[in-house]
Amino acid sequence: MFFSIEFVNNRFDKFNKLIFKGRLPRIPVKLSRSKSSVGMFCTKYKHLSDGSKLLVSRHFSFSKCFDMDEHALEDVIIHEMIHYLINFEGVNDTSPHGKVFRSLMTKINKEFNRNITISTKTAKASVKTIRLTRKWHIIAVMKVRDGSVGIKILPLIADKVAYYYRHVRQSPQINAIRLYIHNAPFFSNYPTSTALKYHVVDEELLRKELTGGQLIYIEGDILKNGIIYNGGELF
C-alpha cells in the first residue's frame, strides 16, 4: 500500500479527532519520490531584518516509493502529526526527536496501540538522519554455505535491491537468501551498500531483531511486502 493525498487527509482527520483532540488545522499534503525519507513535516520561514523569523507555511510530504502495510503508513502520519503539534503550539523541544516528542510518542503508543518510532543512530547523527521519519532498512539475510548467517543492508531503491538479490542467488557460497524490511535501530549499525559482501551475525540475535518486520518479495523490479516475521525460521 502506498501513500495518497486522499489517504493522508482521511487519516489526519481521524487521528486529529481521536488522538490530538481536534487541535490541528489541516495543512497541505505533498507526495514525493524520496528514497531516503518516508515522511516529513515541513516548515518555511522568512528571516526578518531584526533577526527574528516569520512562519510562512507548513505542509506534510510523504514518499510514494514505499510499499507498506496500512498500519505502518498510519504510524508515519501520526509521527509527523506529533511534529506538527509541537510546532503549532510553539513548544521548544530539546531536539527534533527530543524529550517532548518522545513523551508524546510513548503516550500515544501506549494509549492507542501504535508502533511509532524514531531514528536514533548515534549521538552524532547527521541532520539528514534526524530528519528521517522512520529509518527503514531493507535487510538481505543469507544462509552461507559454511552454515553461518550473514546480513547486508541495502539501499531503499527497488532496482538495486532486485539486482543484488538476483546476483547473490547465483553465488555458490550462498545456500539461501531472503529479504526483510524493518526499522529497528540495530540495523543502523551496519553500512548500506550493494557491494557483494555480507556481515556474519548471530542467528538468534537476528531473529529477535527481525521480529515484527516484514518479508519482501520481488516482482520484476518492484518490491512487495509479504507476511509479518514472527521470530521463527529465517529461511
Protein backbone atom coordinates (compact mmCIF):
# COMPACT_ATOMS: atom_id res chain seq x y z
CA MET A 1 0.00 0.00 0.00
CA PHE A 2 1.29 3.46 -0.90
CA PHE A 3 0.60 6.98 0.34
CA SER A 4 -2.03 9.04 -1.45
CA ILE A 5 -3.26 12.54 -0.63
CA GLU A 6 -6.76 11.19 -0.01
CA PHE A 7 -5.45 8.55 2.41
CA VAL A 8 -3.31 11.05 4.34
CA ASN A 9 -6.15 13.57 4.67
CA ASN A 10 -8.56 10.86 5.77
CA ARG A 11 -6.22 9.54 8.45
CA PHE A 12 -5.24 13.07 9.50
CA ASP A 13 -8.88 13.87 10.25
CA LYS A 14 -9.33 10.56 12.06
CA PHE A 15 -6.27 10.87 14.29
CA ASN A 16 -6.67 14.60 14.81
CA LYS A 17 -10.02 13.86 16.43
CA LEU A 18 -9.04 10.62 18.18
CA ILE A 19 -5.54 11.45 19.44
CA PHE A 20 -5.00 15.21 19.18
CA LYS A 21 -8.46 16.36 20.33
CA GLY A 22 -9.07 18.31 17.12
CA ARG A 23 -6.31 20.84 17.84
CA LEU A 24 -4.62 20.70 14.44
CA PRO A 25 -5.94 22.56 11.37
CA ARG A 26 -5.43 20.77 8.06
CA ILE A 27 -2.29 21.69 6.12
CA PRO A 28 -1.33 20.82 2.51
CA VAL A 29 -0.10 17.33 1.71
CA LYS A 30 2.52 16.76 -0.97
CA LEU A 31 3.77 13.49 -2.43
CA SER A 32 7.41 12.94 -3.34
CA ARG A 33 9.62 10.23 -4.75
CA SER A 34 12.15 10.43 -1.94
CA LYS A 35 14.02 7.18 -1.35
CA SER A 36 15.50 8.28 1.98
CA SER A 37 12.57 9.84 3.84
CA VAL A 38 9.18 8.14 4.17
CA GLY A 39 7.51 11.27 5.52
CA MET A 40 8.30 14.77 6.75
CA PHE A 41 6.62 17.71 8.42
CA CYS A 42 7.97 20.76 6.60
CA THR A 43 8.02 24.43 7.53
CA LYS A 44 9.12 27.52 5.66
CA TYR A 45 10.29 30.67 7.45
CA LYS A 46 11.16 34.18 6.33
CA HIS A 47 14.10 35.76 8.13
CA LEU A 48 13.38 39.33 9.19
CA SER A 49 15.79 42.22 9.47
CA ASP A 50 15.64 42.24 13.27
CA GLY A 51 16.98 38.67 13.38
CA SER A 52 13.64 37.03 14.07
CA LYS A 53 11.84 34.75 11.65
CA LEU A 54 8.27 34.60 10.43
CA LEU A 55 6.49 31.33 9.71
CA VAL A 56 5.33 31.37 6.09
CA SER A 57 3.90 27.88 5.57
CA ARG A 58 3.62 24.32 6.81
CA HIS A 59 2.99 21.12 4.86
CA PHE A 60 3.41 17.35 5.01
CA SER A 61 5.49 15.43 2.48
CA PHE A 62 5.16 11.66 2.03
CA SER A 63 7.09 9.45 -0.36
CA LYS A 64 5.34 7.27 -2.95
CA CYS A 65 8.33 4.92 -3.11
CA PHE A 66 7.49 2.76 -0.09
CA ASP A 67 5.00 -0.12 -0.24
CA MET A 68 4.00 -0.66 3.40
CA ASP A 69 1.01 -2.04 5.24
CA GLU A 70 -1.78 0.32 6.30
CA HIS A 71 -0.83 0.35 9.99
CA ALA A 72 2.76 1.36 9.17
CA LEU A 73 1.57 4.19 6.91
CA GLU A 74 -0.69 5.42 9.70
CA ASP A 75 2.20 5.39 12.19
CA VAL A 76 4.24 7.59 9.83
CA ILE A 77 1.34 10.06 9.57
CA ILE A 78 0.93 10.20 13.37
CA HIS A 79 4.69 10.68 13.73
CA GLU A 80 4.51 13.76 11.52
CA MET A 81 1.41 14.99 13.33
CA ILE A 82 3.41 14.98 16.57
CA HIS A 83 5.99 17.22 14.91
CA TYR A 84 3.16 19.43 13.67
CA LEU A 85 1.58 19.68 17.14
CA ILE A 86 4.88 20.69 18.76
CA ASN A 87 5.44 23.35 16.09
CA PHE A 88 1.81 24.55 16.08
CA GLU A 89 1.74 25.05 19.85
CA GLY A 90 5.16 26.74 19.88
CA VAL A 91 6.75 24.22 22.22
CA ASN A 92 10.55 24.24 22.46
CA ASP A 93 11.89 20.69 22.40
CA THR A 94 15.47 19.62 23.15
CA SER A 95 15.96 18.26 19.59
CA PRO A 96 13.83 17.19 16.61
CA HIS A 97 13.05 13.97 18.50
CA GLY A 98 13.69 15.35 21.96
CA LYS A 99 12.03 14.90 25.33
CA VAL A 100 8.69 16.41 24.33
CA PHE A 101 8.45 14.35 21.15
CA ARG A 102 9.45 11.13 22.92
CA SER A 103 6.96 11.73 25.72
CA LEU A 104 4.08 12.25 23.28
CA MET A 105 5.16 9.28 21.17
CA THR A 106 5.32 6.95 24.18
CA LYS A 107 1.93 8.13 25.43
CA ILE A 108 0.27 7.61 22.04
CA ASN A 109 1.87 4.19 21.52
CA LYS A 110 0.59 3.04 24.90
CA GLU A 111 -2.91 4.51 24.75
CA PHE A 112 -3.69 3.76 21.10
CA ASN A 113 -1.67 0.57 20.48
CA ARG A 114 0.59 2.22 17.91
CA ASN A 115 4.19 1.46 16.94
CA ILE A 116 5.60 4.93 16.28
CA THR A 117 9.40 5.04 16.37
CA ILE A 118 12.26 7.46 15.91
CA SER A 119 15.64 7.16 14.21
CA THR A 120 18.49 7.05 16.74
CA LYS A 121 21.73 6.12 15.02
CA THR A 122 24.24 7.80 17.32
CA ALA A 123 24.53 10.88 19.45
CA LYS A 124 26.34 12.48 16.49
CA ALA A 125 23.58 11.70 14.00
CA SER A 126 23.67 13.81 10.87
CA VAL A 127 20.98 16.33 10.04
CA LYS A 128 19.80 14.02 7.27
CA THR A 129 19.36 11.16 9.72
CA ILE A 130 17.49 13.29 12.23
CA ARG A 131 15.02 14.39 9.56
CA LEU A 132 14.03 10.83 8.68
CA THR A 133 10.55 9.92 9.82
CA ARG A 134 11.32 6.25 10.20
CA LYS A 135 14.71 4.83 9.35
CA TRP A 136 13.60 1.83 7.33
CA HIS A 137 16.13 -0.82 6.35
CA ILE A 138 15.94 -3.46 3.68
CA ILE A 139 17.90 -6.41 5.01
CA ALA A 140 19.17 -9.25 2.87
CA VAL A 141 19.55 -12.32 5.11
CA MET A 142 21.76 -15.08 3.72
CA LYS A 143 22.40 -18.68 4.69
CA VAL A 144 26.07 -19.17 3.89
CA ARG A 145 27.43 -22.48 2.66
CA ASP A 146 29.56 -22.90 5.82
CA GLY A 147 26.39 -22.73 7.97
CA SER A 148 26.75 -19.15 9.16
CA VAL A 149 24.15 -16.43 8.66
CA GLY A 150 25.03 -13.11 7.04
CA ILE A 151 23.17 -9.86 6.51
CA LYS A 152 23.50 -6.97 4.09
CA ILE A 153 21.73 -3.62 4.46
CA LEU A 154 20.60 -2.50 1.02
CA PRO A 155 19.64 0.94 -0.33
CA LEU A 156 15.94 1.77 -0.39
CA ILE A 157 15.99 1.61 -4.18
CA ALA A 158 13.97 -1.19 -5.74
CA ASP A 159 16.07 -1.91 -8.82
CA LYS A 160 19.30 -2.06 -6.77
CA VAL A 161 17.69 -4.43 -4.27
CA ALA A 162 16.46 -6.65 -7.11
CA TYR A 163 19.92 -6.61 -8.77
CA TYR A 164 21.67 -7.61 -5.53
CA TYR A 165 19.13 -10.33 -4.76
CA ARG A 166 19.44 -11.96 -8.19
CA HIS A 167 23.24 -11.90 -8.19
CA VAL A 168 23.57 -13.30 -4.68
CA ARG A 169 21.15 -16.15 -5.50
CA GLN A 170 23.60 -17.24 -8.19
CA SER A 171 26.57 -17.34 -5.81
CA PRO A 172 27.79 -20.87 -4.99
CA GLN A 173 28.67 -19.63 -1.50
CA ILE A 174 25.06 -18.77 -0.63
CA ASN A 175 22.51 -21.51 0.00
CA ALA A 176 19.51 -19.20 0.57
CA ILE A 177 18.61 -15.53 0.69
CA ARG A 178 15.55 -13.69 1.95
CA LEU A 179 14.67 -10.00 2.09
CA TYR A 180 13.12 -8.25 5.08
CA ILE A 181 12.15 -4.67 5.87
CA HIS A 182 12.43 -3.32 9.42
CA ASN A 183 13.08 -0.06 11.25
CA ALA A 184 14.88 -1.47 14.32
CA PRO A 185 17.87 0.71 15.35
CA PHE A 186 20.01 -2.46 15.41
CA PHE A 187 20.32 -2.37 11.63
CA SER A 188 21.65 1.21 11.66
CA ASN A 189 24.91 -0.24 12.97
CA TYR A 190 25.71 -1.66 9.54
CA PRO A 191 26.68 0.26 6.38
CA THR A 192 24.32 0.44 3.41
CA SER A 193 25.61 -0.64 0.01
CA THR A 194 25.20 -3.13 -2.82
CA ALA A 195 28.74 -4.48 -2.64
CA LEU A 196 28.70 -8.28 -2.80
CA LYS A 197 29.78 -8.66 0.80
CA TYR A 198 27.93 -9.51 4.00
CA HIS A 199 28.28 -9.33 7.78
CA VAL A 200 28.12 -12.54 9.82
CA VAL A 201 25.66 -12.25 12.72
CA ASP A 202 24.36 -14.46 15.49
CA GLU A 203 21.22 -16.18 14.20
CA GLU A 204 19.29 -15.99 17.48
CA LEU A 205 20.04 -12.30 17.86
CA LEU A 206 18.98 -11.69 14.27
CA ARG A 207 15.67 -13.49 14.79
CA LYS A 208 14.96 -11.25 17.77
CA GLU A 209 15.84 -8.04 15.93
CA LEU A 210 13.85 -9.00 12.81
CA THR A 211 10.69 -9.88 14.75
CA GLY A 212 7.87 -7.58 13.71
CA GLY A 213 9.43 -6.83 10.36
CA GLN A 214 8.06 -7.98 7.03
CA LEU A 215 9.25 -10.30 4.35
CA ILE A 216 9.74 -8.74 0.92
CA TYR A 217 9.31 -10.46 -2.40
CA ILE A 218 10.26 -9.18 -5.84
CA GLU A 219 8.12 -8.87 -8.96
CA GLY A 220 10.37 -7.62 -11.74
CA ASP A 221 11.97 -4.56 -10.14
CA ILE A 222 9.01 -3.93 -7.80
CA LEU A 223 9.29 -4.72 -4.08
CA LYS A 224 6.17 -6.09 -2.40
CA ASN A 225 5.58 -6.60 1.30
CA GLY A 226 4.83 -10.16 2.42
CA ILE A 227 3.90 -11.64 5.76
CA ILE A 228 4.98 -10.29 9.14
CA TYR A 229 8.00 -12.14 10.55
CA ASN A 230 7.23 -13.61 13.98
CA GLY A 231 10.68 -14.78 15.06
CA GLY A 232 10.57 -18.28 13.55
CA GLU A 233 12.72 -19.79 10.84
CA LEU A 234 14.56 -17.21 8.74
CA PHE A 235 14.54 -19.22 5.52
